Amino acid sequence: MKNRILITAGSISLTATLRENETAKAIFEALPIESHANRWGDEIYFSIPVQLDEAEDARQEMHVGELGYWPVGTAFCIFFGRTPVSRTDEPRAYSNVNPFGQVDGEATRFRSVKDGERIEITRL
């Protein structure tokens, strides 16, 4: 069975389903995590206490609602729309990220989250 998490950022709470890969496993094991949101276009990212290398399936082109781990910044990333480097309406990471999950529901709700707002990731 796939692991699920709860993402609470500002006043928004959404669940997400994790993939069955090493990145998802390492992040799930590190939970709970509390931090503060950083915005970069329609992406939220924040540093987490997990250090992983770039995975074989790492990429820049992401999908709305997809979760990625950014090895360069040891960061958890939530993609919910265009970023400053997007070439289409789809999200694009600054550099390769390891895809590890998908938000269940309407990820665009995270647009109301501001820089510096508290964010918490917990296991379900």
PDB file of N, CA and C in Angstrom:
ATOM      1  N   MET A   1       0.837  -1.182   0.000  1.00  0.00           N
ATOM      2  CA  MET A   1       0.000   0.000   0.000  1.00  0.00           C
ATOM      3  C   MET A   1       0.885   1.249   0.000  1.00  0.00           C
ATOM      4  N   LYS A   2       0.498   2.238  -0.775  1.00  0.00           N
ATOM      5  CA  LYS A   2       1.275   3.471  -0.868  1.00  0.00           C
ATOM      6  C   LYS A   2       1.081   4.318   0.383  1.00  0.00           C
ATOM      7  N   ASN A   3       2.164   4.963   0.802  1.00  0.00           N
ATOM      8  CA  ASN A   3       2.104   5.859   1.955  1.00  0.00           C
ATOM      9  C   ASN A   3       1.412   7.154   1.569  1.00  0.00           C
ATOM     10  N   ARG A   4       0.726   7.742   2.559  1.00  0.00           N
ATOM     11  CA  ARG A   4       0.047   9.017   2.347  1.00  0.00           C
ATOM     12  C   ARG A   4       0.492   9.992   3.424  1.00  0.00           C
ATOM     13  N   ILE A   5       0.456  11.278   3.059  1.00  0.00           N
ATOM     14  CA  ILE A   5       0.868  12.334   3.979  1.00  0.00           C
ATOM     15  C   ILE A   5      -0.176  13.446   3.992  1.00  0.00           C
ATOM     16  N   LEU A   6      -0.090  14.277   5.025  1.00  0.00           N
ATOM     17  CA  LEU A   6      -0.913  15.477   5.129  1.00  0.00           C
ATOM     18  C   LEU A   6       0.020  16.677   5.050  1.00  0.00           C
ATOM     19  N   ILE A   7      -0.287  17.588   4.132  1.00  0.00           N
ATOM     20  CA  ILE A   7       0.482  18.821   3.967  1.00  0.00           C
ATOM     21  C   ILE A   7      -0.392  19.970   4.456  1.00  0.00           C
ATOM     22  N   THR A   8       0.065  20.678   5.487  1.00  0.00           N
ATOM     23  CA  THR A   8      -0.655  21.838   5.999  1.00  0.00           C
ATOM     24  C   THR A   8       0.242  23.055   5.821  1.00  0.00           C
ATOM     25  N   ALA A   9      -0.236  24.006   5.020  1.00  0.00           N
ATOM     26  CA  ALA A   9       0.527  25.224   4.734  1.00  0.00           C
ATOM     27  C   ALA A   9      -0.418  26.399   4.886  1.00  0.00           C
ATOM     28  N   GLY A  10      -0.101  27.280   5.829  1.00  0.00           N
ATOM     29  CA  GLY A  10      -1.029  28.366   6.105  1.00  0.00           C
ATOM     30  C   GLY A  10      -2.362  27.769   6.528  1.00  0.00           C
ATOM     31  N   SER A  11      -3.446  28.177   5.884  1.00  0.00           N
ATOM     32  CA  SER A  11      -4.778  27.660   6.224  1.00  0.00           C
ATOM     33  C   SER A  11      -5.194  26.499   5.321  1.00  0.00           C
ATOM     34  N   ILE A  12      -4.298  26.028   4.462  1.00  0.00           N
ATOM     35  CA  ILE A  12      -4.612  24.968   3.504  1.00  0.00           C
ATOM     36  C   ILE A  12      -4.082  23.630   4.008  1.00  0.00           C
ATOM     37  N   SER A  13      -4.922  22.605   3.959  1.00  0.00           N
ATOM     38  CA  SER A  13      -4.504  21.241   4.284  1.00  0.00           C
ATOM     39  C   SER A  13      -4.953  20.318   3.165  1.00  0.00           C
ATOM     40  N   LEU A  14      -4.004  19.604   2.580  1.00  0.00           N
ATOM     41  CA  LEU A  14      -4.301  18.637   1.525  1.00  0.00           C
ATOM     42  C   LEU A  14      -3.496  17.370   1.770  1.00  0.00           C
ATOM     43  N   THR A  15      -4.053  16.246   1.363  1.00  0.00           N
ATOM     44  CA  THR A  15      -3.329  14.990   1.460  1.00  0.00           C
ATOM     45  C   THR A  15      -2.565  14.752   0.164  1.00  0.00           C
ATOM     46  N   ALA A  16      -1.609  13.846   0.233  1.00  0.00           N
ATOM     47  CA  ALA A  16      -0.842  13.458  -0.955  1.00  0.00           C
ATOM     48  C   ALA A  16      -0.511  11.977  -0.849  1.00  0.00           C
ATOM     49  N   THR A  17      -0.399  11.344  -1.990  1.00  0.00           N
ATOM     50  CA  THR A  17      -0.027   9.938  -2.075  1.00  0.00           C
ATOM     51  C   THR A  17       1.400   9.861  -2.590  1.00  0.00           C
ATOM     52  N   LEU A  18       2.225   9.097  -1.878  1.00  0.00           N
ATOM     53  CA  LEU A  18       3.626   8.984  -2.254  1.00  0.00           C
ATOM     54  C   LEU A  18       3.842   7.830  -3.225  1.00  0.00           C
ATOM     55  N   ARG A  19       4.833   7.992  -4.069  1.00  0.00           N
ATOM     56  CA  ARG A  19       5.244   6.920  -4.976  1.00  0.00           C
ATOM     57  C   ARG A  19       5.961   5.847  -4.167  1.00  0.00           C
ATOM     58  N   GLU A  20       6.202   4.743  -4.808  1.00  0.00           N
ATOM     59  CA  GLU A  20       6.971   3.673  -4.175  1.00  0.00           C
ATOM     60  C   GLU A  20       8.391   3.737  -4.719  1.00  0.00           C
ATOM     61  N   ASN A  21       9.156   4.726  -4.218  1.00  0.00           N
ATOM     62  CA  ASN A  21      10.559   4.857  -4.623  1.00  0.00           C
ATOM     63  C   ASN A  21      11.404   5.257  -3.412  1.00  0.00           C
ATOM     64  N   GLU A  22      12.719   5.255  -3.597  1.00  0.00           N
ATOM     65  CA  GLU A  22      13.637   5.527  -2.484  1.00  0.00           C
ATOM     66  C   GLU A  22      13.483   6.943  -1.929  1.00  0.00           C
ATOM     67  N   THR A  23      13.211   7.905  -2.798  1.00  0.00           N
ATOM     68  CA  THR A  23      13.026   9.283  -2.341  1.00  0.00           C
ATOM     69  C   THR A  23      11.815   9.374  -1.422  1.00  0.00           C
ATOM     70  N   ALA A  24      10.691   8.804  -1.851  1.00  0.00           N
ATOM     71  CA  ALA A  24       9.468   8.832  -1.039  1.00  0.00           C
ATOM     72  C   ALA A  24       9.688   8.131   0.297  1.00  0.00           C
ATOM     73  N   LYS A  25      10.371   7.011   0.256  1.00  0.00           N
ATOM     74  CA  LYS A  25      10.626   6.249   1.485  1.00  0.00           C
ATOM     75  C   LYS A  25      11.454   7.067   2.475  1.00  0.00           C
ATOM     76  N   ALA A  26      12.522   7.701   2.000  1.00  0.00           N
ATOM     77  CA  ALA A  26      13.395   8.489   2.876  1.00  0.00           C
ATOM     78  C   ALA A  26      12.653   9.677   3.479  1.00  0.00           C
ATOM     79  N   ILE A  27      11.839  10.345   2.678  1.00  0.00           N
ATOM     80  CA  ILE A  27      11.092  11.501   3.179  1.00  0.00           C
ATOM     81  C   ILE A  27      10.031  11.057   4.179  1.00  0.00           C
ATOM     82  N   PHE A  28       9.320   9.983   3.879  1.00  0.00           N
ATOM     83  CA  PHE A  28       8.294   9.473   4.794  1.00  0.00           C
ATOM     84  C   PHE A  28       8.914   9.120   6.148  1.00  0.00           C
ATOM     85  N   GLU A  29      10.097   8.514   6.125  1.00  0.00           N
ATOM     86  CA  GLU A  29      10.778   8.130   7.367  1.00  0.00           C
ATOM     87  C   GLU A  29      11.191   9.350   8.194  1.00  0.00           C
ATOM     88  N   ALA A  30      11.415  10.494   7.541  1.00  0.00           N
ATOM     89  CA  ALA A  30      11.854  11.712   8.239  1.00  0.00           C
ATOM     90  C   ALA A  30      10.696  12.491   8.870  1.00  0.00           C
ATOM     91  N   LEU A  31       9.463  12.118   8.572  1.00  0.00           N
ATOM     92  CA  LEU A  31       8.296  12.862   9.068  1.00  0.00           C
ATOM     93  C   LEU A  31       8.073  12.623  10.548  1.00  0.00           C
ATOM     94  N   PRO A  32       7.507  13.614  11.261  1.00  0.00           N
ATOM     95  CA  PRO A  32       6.950  14.880  10.785  1.00  0.00           C
ATOM     96  C   PRO A  32       8.044  15.929  10.543  1.00  0.00           C
ATOM     97  N   ILE A  33       7.739  16.854   9.652  1.00  0.00           N
ATOM     98  CA  ILE A  33       8.645  17.957   9.328  1.00  0.00           C
ATOM     99  C   ILE A  33       7.868  19.262   9.438  1.00  0.00           C
ATOM    100  N   GLU A  34       8.470  20.250  10.102  1.00  0.00           N
ATOM    101  CA  GLU A  34       7.903  21.598  10.165  1.00  0.00           C
ATOM    102  C   GLU A  34       8.918  22.563   9.578  1.00  0.00           C
ATOM    103  N   SER A  35       8.430  23.531   8.823  1.00  0.00           N
ATOM    104  CA  SER A  35       9.316  24.515   8.212  1.00  0.00           C
ATOM    105  C   SER A  35       8.511  25.763   7.873  1.00  0.00           C
ATOM    106  N   HIS A  36       9.086  26.595   7.024  1.00  0.00           N
ATOM    107  CA  HIS A  36       8.407  27.790   6.525  1.00  0.00           C
ATOM    108  C   HIS A  36       8.479  27.785   5.010  1.00  0.00           C
ATOM    109  N   ALA A  37       7.369  28.127   4.391  1.00  0.00           N
ATOM    110  CA  ALA A  37       7.242  28.073   2.936  1.00  0.00           C
ATOM    111  C   ALA A  37       8.054  29.157   2.247  1.00  0.00           C
ATOM    112  N   ASN A  38       8.687  28.772   1.166  1.00  0.00           N
ATOM    113  CA  ASN A  38       9.312  29.702   0.224  1.00  0.00           C
ATOM    114  C   ASN A  38       8.529  29.578  -1.071  1.00  0.00           C
ATOM    115  N   ARG A  39       8.154  30.699  -1.677  1.00  0.00           N
ATOM    116  CA  ARG A  39       7.419  30.686  -2.954  1.00  0.00           C
ATOM    117  C   ARG A  39       8.361  31.002  -4.095  1.00  0.00           C
ATOM    118  N   TRP A  40       8.178  30.285  -5.206  1.00  0.00           N
ATOM    119  CA  TRP A  40       8.900  30.558  -6.452  1.00  0.00           C
ATOM    120  C   TRP A  40       7.899  30.334  -7.567  1.00  0.00           C
ATOM    121  N   GLY A  41       7.214  31.403  -7.953  1.00  0.00           N
ATOM    122  CA  GLY A  41       6.081  31.243  -8.866  1.00  0.00           C
ATOM    123  C   GLY A  41       5.033  30.384  -8.177  1.00  0.00           C
ATOM    124  N   ASP A  42       4.479  29.431  -8.900  1.00  0.00           N
ATOM    125  CA  ASP A  42       3.498  28.513  -8.314  1.00  0.00           C
ATOM    126  C   ASP A  42       4.179  27.233  -7.844  1.00  0.00           C
ATOM    127  N   GLU A  43       5.189  27.432  -7.027  1.00  0.00           N
ATOM    128  CA  GLU A  43       5.894  26.338  -6.357  1.00  0.00           C
ATOM    129  C   GLU A  43       6.160  26.775  -4.930  1.00  0.00           C
ATOM    130  N   ILE A  44       5.979  25.839  -4.006  1.00  0.00           N
ATOM    131  CA  ILE A  44       6.406  26.027  -2.616  1.00  0.00           C
ATOM    132  C   ILE A  44       7.568  25.071  -2.406  1.00  0.00           C
ATOM    133  N   TYR A  45       8.621  25.562  -1.761  1.00  0.00           N
ATOM    134  CA  TYR A  45       9.736  24.679  -1.422  1.00  0.00           C
ATOM    135  C   TYR A  45      10.265  25.061  -0.048  1.00  0.00           C
ATOM    136  N   PHE A  46      10.891  24.096   0.610  1.00  0.00           N
ATOM    137  CA  PHE A  46      11.480  24.324   1.923  1.00  0.00           C
ATOM    138  C   PHE A  46      12.483  23.219   2.201  1.00  0.00           C
ATOM    139  N   SER A  47      13.540  23.571   2.916  1.00  0.00           N
ATOM    140  CA  SER A  47      14.584  22.600   3.250  1.00  0.00           C
ATOM    141  C   SER A  47      14.058  21.560   4.223  1.00  0.00           C
ATOM    142  N   ILE A  48      14.533  20.331   4.034  1.00  0.00           N
ATOM    143  CA  ILE A  48      14.162  19.234   4.930  1.00  0.00           C
ATOM    144  C   ILE A  48      15.433  18.487   5.348  1.00  0.00           C
ATOM    145  N   PRO A  49      15.371  17.753   6.475  1.00  0.00           N
ATOM    146  CA  PRO A  49      16.565  17.048   6.964  1.00  0.00           C
ATOM    147  C   PRO A  49      16.774  15.701   6.261  1.00  0.00           C
ATOM    148  N   VAL A  50      16.757  15.720   4.942  1.00  0.00           N
ATOM    149  CA  VAL A  50      16.967  14.512   4.137  1.00  0.00           C
ATOM    150  C   VAL A  50      17.991  14.861   3.068  1.00  0.00           C
ATOM    151  N   GLN A  51      19.032  14.050   2.945  1.00  0.00           N
ATOM    152  CA  GLN A  51      20.042  14.279   1.910  1.00  0.00           C
ATOM    153  C   GLN A  51      20.070  13.083   0.978  1.00  0.00           C
ATOM    154  N   LEU A  52      19.686  13.327  -0.280  1.00  0.00           N
ATOM    155  CA  LEU A  52      19.638  12.279  -1.293  1.00  0.00           C
ATOM    156  C   LEU A  52      20.303  12.774  -2.567  1.00  0.00           C
ATOM    157  N   ASP A  53      20.812  11.844  -3.340  1.00  0.00           N
ATOM    158  CA  ASP A  53      21.361  12.175  -4.648  1.00  0.00           C
ATOM    159  C   ASP A  53      20.232  12.265  -5.660  1.00  0.00           C
ATOM    160  N   GLU A  54      20.554  12.792  -6.825  1.00  0.00           N
ATOM    161  CA  GLU A  54      19.588  12.844  -7.915  1.00  0.00           C
ATOM    162  C   GLU A  54      19.236  11.414  -8.330  1.00  0.00           C
ATOM    163  N   ALA A  55      17.954  11.133  -8.451  1.00  0.00           N
ATOM    164  CA  ALA A  55      17.479   9.802  -8.833  1.00  0.00           C
ATOM    165  C   ALA A  55      17.540   9.622 -10.349  1.00  0.00           C
ATOM    166  N   GLU A  56      17.454   8.377 -10.789  1.00  0.00           N
ATOM    167  CA  GLU A  56      17.475   8.082 -12.229  1.00  0.00           C
ATOM    168  C   GLU A  56      16.327   8.754 -12.963  1.00  0.00           C
ATOM    169  N   ASP A  57      15.175   8.893 -12.288  1.00  0.00           N
ATOM    170  CA  ASP A  57      13.998   9.485 -12.940  1.00  0.00           C
ATOM    171  C   ASP A  57      13.862  10.989 -12.667  1.00  0.00           C
ATOM    172  N   ALA A  58      14.935  11.616 -12.187  1.00  0.00           N
ATOM    173  CA  ALA A  58      14.897  13.061 -11.899  1.00  0.00           C
ATOM    174  C   ALA A  58      14.641  13.839 -13.188  1.00  0.00           C
ATOM    175  N   ARG A  59      13.901  14.950 -13.046  1.00  0.00           N
ATOM    176  CA  ARG A  59      13.559  15.762 -14.218  1.00  0.00           C
ATOM    177  C   ARG A  59      13.192  17.170 -13.782  1.00  0.00           C
ATOM    178  N   GLN A  60      13.097  18.068 -14.766  1.00  0.00           N
ATOM    179  CA  GLN A  60      12.672  19.442 -14.502  1.00  0.00           C
ATOM    180  C   GLN A  60      11.190  19.631 -14.781  1.00  0.00           C
ATOM    181  N   GLU A  61      10.675  19.006 -15.822  1.00  0.00           N
ATOM    182  CA  GLU A  61       9.271  19.171 -16.197  1.00  0.00           C
ATOM    183  C   GLU A  61       8.401  18.383 -15.225  1.00  0.00           C
ATOM    184  N   MET A  62       7.525  19.088 -14.549  1.00  0.00           N
ATOM    185  CA  MET A  62       6.666  18.468 -13.545  1.00  0.00           C
ATOM    186  C   MET A  62       5.208  18.667 -13.946  1.00  0.00           C
ATOM    187  N   HIS A  63       4.310  18.105 -13.136  1.00  0.00           N
ATOM    188  CA  HIS A  63       2.877  18.239 -13.372  1.00  0.00           C
ATOM    189  C   HIS A  63       2.254  18.965 -12.185  1.00  0.00           C
ATOM    190  N   VAL A  64       1.137  19.621 -12.418  1.00  0.00           N
ATOM    191  CA  VAL A  64       0.424  20.298 -11.335  1.00  0.00           C
ATOM    192  C   VAL A  64       0.080  19.267 -10.261  1.00  0.00           C
ATOM    193  N   GLY A  65       0.420  19.596  -9.025  1.00  0.00           N
ATOM    194  CA  GLY A  65       0.150  18.716  -7.896  1.00  0.00           C
ATOM    195  C   GLY A  65       1.256  17.734  -7.584  1.00  0.00           C
ATOM    196  N   GLU A  66       2.286  17.696  -8.407  1.00  0.00           N
ATOM    197  CA  GLU A  66       3.364  16.738  -8.185  1.00  0.00           C
ATOM    198  C   GLU A  66       4.309  17.231  -7.096  1.00  0.00           C
ATOM    199  N   LEU A  67       4.843  16.283  -6.335  1.00  0.00           N
ATOM    200  CA  LEU A  67       5.827  16.570  -5.295  1.00  0.00           C
ATOM    201  C   LEU A  67       7.198  16.156  -5.799  1.00  0.00           C
ATOM    202  N   GLY A  68       8.203  16.967  -5.503  1.00  0.00           N
ATOM    203  CA  GLY A  68       9.565  16.640  -5.906  1.00  0.00           C
ATOM    204  C   GLY A  68      10.544  16.964  -4.795  1.00  0.00           C
ATOM    205  N   TYR A  69      11.649  16.236  -4.797  1.00  0.00           N
ATOM    206  CA  TYR A  69      12.749  16.511  -3.870  1.00  0.00           C
ATOM    207  C   TYR A  69      13.884  17.113  -4.691  1.00  0.00           C
ATOM    208  N   TRP A  70      14.357  18.284  -4.279  1.00  0.00           N
ATOM    209  CA  TRP A  70      15.421  18.995  -4.984  1.00  0.00           C
ATOM    210  C   TRP A  70      16.750  18.708  -4.284  1.00  0.00           C
ATOM    211  N   PRO A  71      17.574  17.814  -4.856  1.00  0.00           N
ATOM    212  CA  PRO A  71      18.830  17.438  -4.192  1.00  0.00           C
ATOM    213  C   PRO A  71      19.779  18.608  -3.942  1.00  0.00           C
ATOM    214  N   VAL A  72      19.847  19.563  -4.866  1.00  0.00           N
ATOM    215  CA  VAL A  72      20.766  20.700  -4.733  1.00  0.00           C
ATOM    216  C   VAL A  72      20.469  21.504  -3.465  1.00  0.00           C
ATOM    217  N   GLY A  73      19.201  21.679  -3.148  1.00  0.00           N
ATOM    218  CA  GLY A  73      18.812  22.470  -1.990  1.00  0.00           C
ATOM    219  C   GLY A  73      18.255  21.660  -0.840  1.00  0.00           C
ATOM    220  N   THR A  74      18.382  20.343  -0.914  1.00  0.00           N
ATOM    221  CA  THR A  74      17.772  19.418   0.056  1.00  0.00           C
ATOM    222  C   THR A  74      16.364  19.890   0.422  1.00  0.00           C
ATOM    223  N   ALA A  75      15.548  20.089  -0.616  1.00  0.00           N
ATOM    224  CA  ALA A  75      14.240  20.711  -0.413  1.00  0.00           C
ATOM    225  C   ALA A  75      13.080  19.846  -0.895  1.00  0.00           C
ATOM    226  N   PHE A  76      11.991  19.949  -0.165  1.00  0.00           N
ATOM    227  CA  PHE A  76      10.692  19.375  -0.496  1.00  0.00           C
ATOM    228  C   PHE A  76       9.994  20.426  -1.353  1.00  0.00           C
ATOM    229  N   CYS A  77       9.502  20.034  -2.531  1.00  0.00           N
ATOM    230  CA  CYS A  77       8.877  20.976  -3.462  1.00  0.00           C
ATOM    231  C   CYS A  77       7.456  20.544  -3.795  1.00  0.00           C
ATOM    232  N   ILE A  78       6.553  21.501  -3.810  1.00  0.00           N
ATOM    233  CA  ILE A  78       5.160  21.268  -4.198  1.00  0.00           C
ATOM    234  C   ILE A  78       4.903  22.135  -5.427  1.00  0.00           C
ATOM    235  N   PHE A  79       4.563  21.500  -6.531  1.00  0.00           N
ATOM    236  CA  PHE A  79       4.330  22.218  -7.791  1.00  0.00           C
ATOM    237  C   PHE A  79       2.834  22.337  -8.048  1.00  0.00           C
ATOM    238  N   PHE A  80       2.357  23.571  -8.286  1.00  0.00           N
ATOM    239  CA  PHE A  80       0.917  23.753  -8.506  1.00  0.00           C
ATOM    240  C   PHE A  80       0.620  24.745  -9.623  1.00  0.00           C
ATOM    241  N   GLY A  81       1.595  25.019 -10.474  1.00  0.00           N
ATOM    242  CA  GLY A  81       1.402  25.918 -11.610  1.00  0.00           C
ATOM    243  C   GLY A  81       2.741  26.349 -12.171  1.00  0.00           C
ATOM    244  N   ARG A  82       2.709  27.393 -12.974  1.00  0.00           N
ATOM    245  CA  ARG A  82       3.923  27.885 -13.644  1.00  0.00           C
ATOM    246  C   ARG A  82       4.967  28.393 -12.645  1.00  0.00           C
ATOM    247  N   THR A  83       6.213  28.196 -13.006  1.00  0.00           N
ATOM    248  CA  THR A  83       7.331  28.758 -12.250  1.00  0.00           C
ATOM    249  C   THR A  83       8.054  29.742 -13.175  1.00  0.00           C
ATOM    250  N   PRO A  84       8.989  30.526 -12.654  1.00  0.00           N
ATOM    251  CA  PRO A  84       9.689  31.485 -13.514  1.00  0.00           C
ATOM    252  C   PRO A  84      10.422  30.872 -14.714  1.00  0.00           C
ATOM    253  N   VAL A  85      10.720  29.577 -14.686  1.00  0.00           N
ATOM    254  CA  VAL A  85      11.410  28.949 -15.824  1.00  0.00           C
ATOM    255  C   VAL A  85      10.490  28.053 -16.656  1.00  0.00           C
ATOM    256  N   SER A  86       9.180  28.103 -16.411  1.00  0.00           N
ATOM    257  CA  SER A  86       8.235  27.294 -17.195  1.00  0.00           C
ATOM    258  C   SER A  86       8.254  27.727 -18.654  1.00  0.00           C
ATOM    259  N   ARG A  87       8.129  26.744 -19.535  1.00  0.00           N
ATOM    260  CA  ARG A  87       8.067  27.009 -20.976  1.00  0.00           C
ATOM    261  C   ARG A  87       6.644  26.841 -21.502  1.00  0.00           C
ATOM    262  N   THR A  88       5.810  26.177 -20.712  1.00  0.00           N
ATOM    263  CA  THR A  88       4.398  25.970 -21.036  1.00  0.00           C
ATOM    264  C   THR A  88       3.610  26.298 -19.777  1.00  0.00           C
ATOM    265  N   ASP A  89       2.348  25.875 -19.717  1.00  0.00           N
ATOM    266  CA  ASP A  89       1.553  26.085 -18.508  1.00  0.00           C
ATOM    267  C   ASP A  89       1.925  25.113 -17.392  1.00  0.00           C
ATOM    268  N   GLU A  90       2.728  24.110 -17.713  1.00  0.00           N
ATOM    269  CA  GLU A  90       3.138  23.123 -16.711  1.00  0.00           C
ATOM    270  C   GLU A  90       4.274  23.673 -15.843  1.00  0.00           C
ATOM    271  N   PRO A  91       4.352  23.210 -14.606  1.00  0.00           N
ATOM    272  CA  PRO A  91       5.453  23.623 -13.733  1.00  0.00           C
ATOM    273  C   PRO A  91       6.797  23.112 -14.261  1.00  0.00           C
ATOM    274  N   ARG A  92       7.822  23.859 -13.976  1.00  0.00           N
ATOM    275  CA  ARG A  92       9.185  23.436 -14.327  1.00  0.00           C
ATOM    276  C   ARG A  92      10.092  23.810 -13.160  1.00  0.00           C
ATOM    277  N   ALA A  93      10.861  22.837 -12.685  1.00  0.00           N
ATOM    278  CA  ALA A  93      11.792  23.065 -11.586  1.00  0.00           C
ATOM    279  C   ALA A  93      13.017  23.828 -12.081  1.00  0.00           C
ATOM    280  N   TYR A  94      13.710  24.482 -11.177  1.00  0.00           N
ATOM    281  CA  TYR A  94      14.928  25.226 -11.512  1.00  0.00           C
ATOM    282  C   TYR A  94      15.991  24.288 -12.077  1.00  0.00           C
ATOM    283  N   SER A  95      16.116  23.119 -11.459  1.00  0.00           N
ATOM    284  CA  SER A  95      16.999  22.057 -11.944  1.00  0.00           C
ATOM    285  C   SER A  95      16.329  20.736 -11.566  1.00  0.00           C
ATOM    286  N   ASN A  96      16.941  19.628 -11.928  1.00  0.00           N
ATOM    287  CA  ASN A  96      16.290  18.331 -11.731  1.00  0.00           C
ATOM    288  C   ASN A  96      15.848  18.086 -10.293  1.00  0.00           C
ATOM    289  N   VAL A  97      14.644  17.531 -10.175  1.00  0.00           N
ATOM    290  CA  VAL A  97      14.099  17.093  -8.891  1.00  0.00           C
ATOM    291  C   VAL A  97      13.715  15.621  -9.010  1.00  0.00           C
ATOM    292  N   ASN A  98      13.670  14.947  -7.870  1.00  0.00           N
ATOM    293  CA  ASN A  98      13.240  13.555  -7.819  1.00  0.00           C
ATOM    294  C   ASN A  98      11.735  13.532  -7.558  1.00  0.00           C
ATOM    295  N   PRO A  99      10.912  13.120  -8.520  1.00  0.00           N
ATOM    296  CA  PRO A  99       9.471  13.042  -8.278  1.00  0.00           C
ATOM    297  C   PRO A  99       9.188  11.960  -7.231  1.00  0.00           C
ATOM    298  N   PHE A 100       8.333  12.271  -6.241  1.00  0.00           N
ATOM    299  CA  PHE A 100       8.064  11.264  -5.220  1.00  0.00           C
ATOM    300  C   PHE A 100       6.615  11.197  -4.767  1.00  0.00           C
ATOM    301  N   GLY A 101       5.719  12.001  -5.325  1.00  0.00           N
ATOM    302  CA  GLY A 101       4.328  11.925  -4.900  1.00  0.00           C
ATOM    303  C   GLY A 101       3.433  12.867  -5.669  1.00  0.00           C
ATOM    304  N   GLN A 102       2.142  12.800  -5.330  1.00  0.00           N
ATOM    305  CA  GLN A 102       1.122  13.603  -6.003  1.00  0.00           C
ATOM    306  C   GLN A 102       0.097  14.068  -4.975  1.00  0.00           C
ATOM    307  N   VAL A 103      -0.214  15.359  -5.004  1.00  0.00           N
ATOM    308  CA  VAL A 103      -1.253  15.909  -4.133  1.00  0.00           C
ATOM    309  C   VAL A 103      -2.594  15.309  -4.545  1.00  0.00           C
ATOM    310  N   ASP A 104      -3.379  14.905  -3.556  1.00  0.00           N
ATOM    311  CA  ASP A 104      -4.737  14.412  -3.792  1.00  0.00           C
ATOM    312  C   ASP A 104      -5.653  15.630  -3.769  1.00  0.00           C
ATOM    313  N   GLY A 105      -6.311  15.924  -4.851  1.00  0.00           N
ATOM    314  CA  GLY A 105      -7.206  17.073  -4.856  1.00  0.00           C
ATOM    315  C   GLY A 105      -6.609  18.258  -5.590  1.00  0.00           C
ATOM    316  N   GLU A 106      -7.129  19.432  -5.293  1.00  0.00           N
ATOM    317  CA  GLU A 106      -6.824  20.658  -6.033  1.00  0.00           C
ATOM    318  C   GLU A 106      -5.580  21.357  -5.484  1.00  0.00           C
ATOM    319  N   ALA A 107      -4.426  21.027  -6.038  1.00  0.00           N
ATOM    320  CA  ALA A 107      -3.153  21.586  -5.563  1.00  0.00           C
ATOM    321  C   ALA A 107      -3.076  23.096  -5.743  1.00  0.00           C
ATOM    322  N   THR A 108      -3.843  23.655  -6.674  1.00  0.00           N
ATOM    323  CA  THR A 108      -3.803  25.110  -6.892  1.00  0.00           C
ATOM    324  C   THR A 108      -4.278  25.884  -5.661  1.00  0.00           C
ATOM    325  N   ARG A 109      -4.888  25.206  -4.700  1.00  0.00           N
ATOM    326  CA  ARG A 109      -5.274  25.869  -3.446  1.00  0.00           C
ATOM    327  C   ARG A 109      -4.052  26.425  -2.711  1.00  0.00           C
ATOM    328  N   PHE A 110      -2.873  25.858  -2.977  1.00  0.00           N
ATOM    329  CA  PHE A 110      -1.652  26.342  -2.331  1.00  0.00           C
ATOM    330  C   PHE A 110      -1.255  27.740  -2.804  1.00  0.00           C
ATOM    331  N   ARG A 111      -1.922  28.272  -3.834  1.00  0.00           N
ATOM    332  CA  ARG A 111      -1.606  29.632  -4.300  1.00  0.00           C
ATOM    333  C   ARG A 111      -1.821  30.679  -3.215  1.00  0.00           C
ATOM    334  N   SER A 112      -2.668  30.391  -2.231  1.00  0.00           N
ATOM    335  CA  SER A 112      -2.930  31.367  -1.166  1.00  0.00           C
ATOM    336  C   SER A 112      -1.841  31.372  -0.088  1.00  0.00           C
ATOM    337  N   VAL A 113      -0.922  30.423  -0.141  1.00  0.00           N
ATOM    338  CA  VAL A 113       0.156  30.347   0.852  1.00  0.00           C
ATOM    339  C   VAL A 113       1.227  31.383   0.509  1.00  0.00           C
ATOM    340  N   LYS A 114       1.627  32.143   1.512  1.00  0.00           N
ATOM    341  CA  LYS A 114       2.608  33.212   1.308  1.00  0.00           C
ATOM    342  C   LYS A 114       3.989  32.800   1.815  1.00  0.00           C
ATOM    343  N   ASP A 115       5.007  33.485   1.293  1.00  0.00           N
ATOM    344  CA  ASP A 115       6.376  33.290   1.783  1.00  0.00           C
ATOM    345  C   ASP A 115       6.396  33.379   3.300  1.00  0.00           C
ATOM    346  N   GLY A 116       7.095  32.464   3.925  1.00  0.00           N
ATOM    347  CA  GLY A 116       7.277  32.513   5.366  1.00  0.00           C
ATOM    348  C   GLY A 116       6.192  31.847   6.182  1.00  0.00           C
ATOM    349  N   GLU A 117       5.078  31.473   5.556  1.00  0.00           N
ATOM    350  CA  GLU A 117       4.019  30.813   6.326  1.00  0.00           C
ATOM    351  C   GLU A 117       4.489  29.434   6.782  1.00  0.00           C
ATOM    352  N   ARG A 118       3.996  29.039   7.941  1.00  0.00           N
ATOM    353  CA  ARG A 118       4.351  27.749   8.524  1.00  0.00           C
ATOM    354  C   ARG A 118       3.823  26.623   7.642  1.00  0.00           C
ATOM    355  N   ILE A 119       4.629  25.580   7.498  1.00  0.00           N
ATOM    356  CA  ILE A 119       4.220  24.403   6.745  1.00  0.00           C
ATOM    357  C   ILE A 119       4.581  23.168   7.558  1.00  0.00           C
ATOM    358  N   GLU A 120       3.682  22.208   7.567  1.00  0.00           N
ATOM    359  CA  GLU A 120       3.897  20.975   8.323  1.00  0.00           C
ATOM    360  C   GLU A 120       3.519  19.783   7.450  1.00  0.00           C
ATOM    361  N   ILE A 121       4.372  18.770   7.471  1.00  0.00           N
ATOM    362  CA  ILE A 121       4.130  17.534   6.735  1.00  0.00           C
ATOM    363  C   ILE A 121       4.083  16.408   7.761  1.00  0.00           C
ATOM    364  N   THR A 122       2.985  15.661   7.778  1.00  0.00           N
ATOM    365  CA  THR A 122       2.835  14.552   8.719  1.00  0.00           C
ATOM    366  C   THR A 122       2.376  13.295   7.985  1.00  0.00           C
ATOM    367  N   ARG A 123       2.575  12.155   8.631  1.00  0.00           N
ATOM    368  CA  ARG A 123       2.115  10.876   8.086  1.00  0.00           C
ATOM    369  C   ARG A 123       0.621  10.720   8.317  1.00  0.00           C
ATOM    370  N   LEU A 124      -0.028  10.033   7.414  1.00  0.00           N
ATOM    371  CA  LEU A 124      -1.441   9.668   7.608  1.00  0.00           C
ATOM    372  C   LEU A 124      -1.519   8.196   7.956  1.00  0.00           C
TER     373      LEU A 124
END
